[in-house]
């Protein structure tokens, strides 16, 4: 998903638009996670970027998306850019304390 979300509208309240953005993001992530995993892949990982525009977007972690959406709402931005791309993920073993 590469999308510029508008969070201002003459008839719709800003809170409702922000809520709709969160719902779209959650729905997209759920849909991507439910896709069949390729051979040798443990889970779906996500590359995320957030910014005021596509050119200003910086990489963020998946768990930080809501925090950045809140921040955009507090700054009273008209719109923001969000990019979420699914990629195959591989689990790495944690080193044991004895090693």
Protein backbone atom coordinates (compact mmCIF):
# COMPACT_ATOMS: atom_id res chain seq x y z
CA UNK A 1 0.00 0.00 0.00
CA UNK A 2 1.43 3.34 -1.06
CA UNK A 3 -1.07 6.05 -0.35
CA UNK A 4 -1.46 9.70 0.59
CA UNK A 5 -4.28 9.98 3.11
CA UNK A 6 -6.26 13.20 3.36
CA UNK A 7 -7.46 13.94 6.89
CA UNK A 8 -9.44 17.09 6.15
CA UNK A 9 -12.88 17.24 4.57
CA UNK A 10 -15.51 19.99 4.59
CA UNK A 11 -18.32 17.71 5.83
CA UNK A 12 -16.58 14.87 7.67
CA UNK A 13 -15.02 15.41 11.08
CA UNK A 14 -11.28 14.88 11.38
CA UNK A 15 -11.68 12.20 14.08
CA UNK A 16 -13.78 10.07 11.72
CA UNK A 17 -11.24 10.42 8.91
CA UNK A 18 -8.37 9.40 11.21
CA UNK A 19 -10.41 6.45 12.42
CA UNK A 20 -11.03 5.43 8.79
CA UNK A 21 -7.29 5.60 8.04
CA UNK A 22 -6.51 3.36 11.00
CA UNK A 23 -9.16 0.90 9.84
CA UNK A 24 -7.75 0.84 6.28
CA UNK A 25 -4.24 0.18 7.59
CA UNK A 26 -5.40 -2.58 9.93
CA UNK A 27 -7.48 -4.19 7.17
CA UNK A 28 -4.55 -4.11 4.70
CA UNK A 29 -2.13 -5.67 7.21
CA UNK A 30 -4.62 -8.41 8.10
CA UNK A 31 -5.23 -9.18 4.42
CA UNK A 32 -1.49 -9.41 3.70
CA UNK A 33 -0.83 -11.63 6.73
CA UNK A 34 -3.57 -14.05 5.64
CA UNK A 35 -1.90 -14.66 2.26
CA UNK A 36 -0.18 -18.00 1.80
CA UNK A 37 3.48 -17.97 2.83
CA UNK A 38 6.08 -18.89 0.18
CA UNK A 39 8.22 -21.98 0.75
CA UNK A 40 10.87 -21.48 3.44
CA UNK A 41 9.32 -18.30 4.87
CA UNK A 42 8.32 -18.05 8.55
CA UNK A 43 6.07 -14.97 8.54
CA UNK A 44 5.13 -11.81 6.64
CA UNK A 45 7.26 -8.81 7.56
CA UNK A 46 6.50 -5.23 6.55
CA UNK A 47 8.58 -2.30 5.33
CA UNK A 48 6.89 0.93 6.40
CA UNK A 49 7.48 4.58 5.57
CA UNK A 50 5.67 7.65 6.87
CA UNK A 51 5.95 11.34 6.02
CA UNK A 52 4.12 14.52 5.12
CA UNK A 53 4.82 13.75 1.44
CA UNK A 54 6.24 10.78 -0.44
CA UNK A 55 9.62 12.52 -0.81
CA UNK A 56 9.88 13.27 2.94
CA UNK A 57 8.85 9.76 4.05
CA UNK A 58 11.22 7.99 6.45
CA UNK A 59 11.33 4.35 7.50
CA UNK A 60 9.39 3.40 10.61
CA UNK A 61 8.50 0.16 12.38
CA UNK A 62 5.08 -1.41 11.88
CA UNK A 63 4.18 -0.93 15.54
CA UNK A 64 4.79 2.85 15.28
CA UNK A 65 2.18 3.58 12.62
CA UNK A 66 -0.58 4.62 15.07
CA UNK A 67 1.85 6.89 16.92
CA UNK A 68 2.75 8.68 13.68
CA UNK A 69 -0.92 8.99 12.67
CA UNK A 70 -1.61 10.58 16.09
CA UNK A 71 1.32 12.93 15.56
CA UNK A 72 -0.03 13.98 12.13
CA UNK A 73 -3.43 14.65 13.69
CA UNK A 74 -1.89 16.75 16.50
CA UNK A 75 0.05 18.81 13.96
CA UNK A 76 -3.23 19.38 12.09
CA UNK A 77 -1.80 18.24 8.76
CA UNK A 78 -4.10 18.18 5.74
CA UNK A 79 -2.63 14.89 4.53
CA UNK A 80 0.21 12.44 5.03
CA UNK A 81 1.92 9.68 3.08
CA UNK A 82 2.01 6.08 4.32
CA UNK A 83 3.71 3.15 2.62
CA UNK A 84 3.39 -0.44 3.83
CA UNK A 85 4.96 -3.20 1.77
CA UNK A 86 4.84 -6.88 2.71
CA UNK A 87 8.02 -8.95 2.46
CA UNK A 88 8.96 -12.49 3.50
CA UNK A 89 10.41 -12.76 7.01
CA UNK A 90 12.74 -15.32 8.53
CA UNK A 91 12.98 -15.94 12.26
CA UNK A 92 16.43 -15.83 13.76
CA UNK A 93 17.36 -17.90 16.80
CA UNK A 94 18.23 -15.91 19.90
CA UNK A 95 21.64 -16.69 21.31
CA UNK A 96 21.50 -18.65 24.53
CA UNK A 97 23.17 -17.13 27.61
CA UNK A 98 25.68 -20.00 27.74
CA UNK A 99 27.16 -19.14 24.35
